Amino acid sequence: MEFCPKCKSMMMPAKNVFKCRKCGFEMDIKEHVVSKTERKEREVTVLEEREMGLPTTRVKCEDCGNTLAYWWLRQLRSADESEVRFFRCTKCGKTWREYN
């Protein structure tokens, strides 16, 4: 972003120049350095379900009968509605929700 040295307005690119919309001052674009940044891909670690860091509770899974599940809360509707509690079985991975 460039600003006009005369009137301090923002200059807009036009062909090979920056041109001030207010006073008409022009500045060559080639005089200015354009910086480029390269994005490096980051390594992502996928956690196993037993390493999720979520709290657990005793609740029965309808699919496998296991009695231990991870749980978390999410606000799915408007702010004046209560949160929904989700469960994920530690054995089979089935996810279900409990409405309040």
Protein backbone atom coordinates (compact mmCIF):
# COMPACT_ATOMS: atom_id res chain seq x y z
CA MET A 1 0.00 0.00 0.00
CA GLU A 2 1.38 3.36 -0.98
CA PHE A 3 0.44 6.87 0.10
CA CYS A 4 0.83 10.06 -1.91
CA PRO A 5 3.82 12.15 -0.76
CA LYS A 6 1.93 15.34 -1.63
CA CYS A 7 -1.57 14.95 -0.16
CA LYS A 8 -1.14 11.76 1.94
CA SER A 9 -4.07 9.99 0.22
CA MET A 10 -3.91 6.30 -0.60
CA MET A 11 -2.52 5.65 -4.07
CA MET A 12 -4.11 3.07 -6.34
CA PRO A 13 -2.28 0.88 -8.88
CA ALA A 14 -3.00 1.82 -12.50
CA LYS A 15 -1.07 0.01 -15.28
CA ASN A 16 2.64 0.49 -14.35
CA VAL A 17 2.17 3.33 -11.86
CA PHE A 18 0.59 4.15 -8.54
CA LYS A 19 -1.82 7.03 -9.05
CA CYS A 20 -3.29 9.29 -6.39
CA ARG A 21 -7.06 9.60 -6.80
CA LYS A 22 -7.13 12.95 -5.02
CA CYS A 23 -4.31 15.01 -6.60
CA GLY A 24 -3.29 12.85 -9.60
CA PHE A 25 0.36 12.34 -8.52
CA GLU A 26 1.93 9.29 -10.20
CA MET A 27 4.74 7.07 -8.92
CA ASP A 28 6.46 4.27 -10.86
CA ILE A 29 5.57 0.83 -9.46
CA LYS A 30 9.01 -0.59 -10.39
CA GLU A 31 10.69 1.69 -7.84
CA HIS A 32 9.10 -0.21 -4.98
CA VAL A 33 10.13 -3.58 -3.70
CA VAL A 34 7.44 -6.22 -3.60
CA SER A 35 8.01 -8.85 -0.94
CA LYS A 36 6.96 -12.43 -1.33
CA THR A 37 6.63 -15.00 1.40
CA GLU A 38 6.74 -18.72 0.89
CA ARG A 39 4.53 -21.00 2.91
CA LYS A 40 6.12 -24.09 4.32
CA GLU A 41 3.95 -27.08 5.02
CA ARG A 42 3.82 -27.97 8.67
CA GLU A 43 3.83 -31.46 10.05
CA VAL A 44 0.50 -32.45 11.60
CA THR A 45 0.20 -35.01 14.36
CA VAL A 46 -3.04 -36.98 14.52
CA LEU A 47 -3.82 -38.13 18.03
CA GLU A 48 -5.22 -41.54 18.78
CA GLU A 49 -8.64 -41.49 20.41
CA ARG A 50 -7.25 -42.69 23.72
CA GLU A 51 -4.89 -39.69 23.63
CA MET A 52 -7.57 -37.10 22.83
CA GLY A 53 -7.25 -35.36 26.17
CA LEU A 54 -11.03 -35.32 26.59
CA PRO A 55 -12.67 -36.17 29.90
CA THR A 56 -14.36 -39.55 30.24
CA THR A 57 -17.54 -40.62 31.96
CA ARG A 58 -19.44 -43.81 32.67
CA VAL A 59 -22.24 -44.15 30.13
CA LYS A 60 -23.36 -47.24 28.22
CA CYS A 61 -22.71 -47.46 24.47
CA GLU A 62 -25.79 -48.84 22.68
CA ASP A 63 -23.67 -50.55 19.99
CA CYS A 64 -21.01 -52.46 21.93
CA GLY A 65 -22.14 -52.22 25.57
CA ASN A 66 -18.91 -50.51 26.72
CA THR A 67 -19.46 -48.29 29.76
CA LEU A 68 -16.73 -45.66 29.22
CA ALA A 69 -16.96 -42.74 26.79
CA TYR A 70 -15.27 -39.41 26.07
CA TRP A 71 -17.55 -36.39 26.34
CA TRP A 72 -17.55 -32.71 25.27
CA LEU A 73 -20.04 -29.83 25.01
CA ARG A 74 -20.97 -27.80 21.91
CA GLN A 75 -23.26 -24.82 21.44
CA LEU A 76 -25.25 -25.84 18.34
CA ARG A 77 -28.10 -23.36 18.41
CA SER A 78 -28.53 -19.77 19.52
CA ALA A 79 -26.82 -18.51 22.66
CA ASP A 80 -29.99 -18.68 24.76
CA GLU A 81 -30.33 -22.44 24.17
CA SER A 82 -28.52 -25.00 26.30
CA GLU A 83 -25.41 -26.80 25.10
CA VAL A 84 -25.49 -30.31 23.66
CA ARG A 85 -23.30 -32.98 25.26
CA PHE A 86 -21.57 -35.39 22.86
CA PHE A 87 -20.22 -38.82 23.76
CA ARG A 88 -17.74 -41.05 21.91
CA CYS A 89 -17.28 -44.66 22.97
CA THR A 90 -13.70 -45.46 23.97
CA LYS A 91 -14.03 -48.97 22.54
CA CYS A 92 -15.92 -48.79 19.20
CA GLY A 93 -15.74 -45.04 18.49
CA LYS A 94 -19.49 -44.51 18.06
CA THR A 95 -20.50 -40.88 18.64
CA TRP A 96 -23.90 -39.83 19.98
CA ARG A 97 -25.42 -36.82 21.68
CA GLU A 98 -27.52 -36.12 24.74
CA TYR A 99 -30.07 -33.33 24.60
CA ASN A 100 -30.93 -31.46 27.80
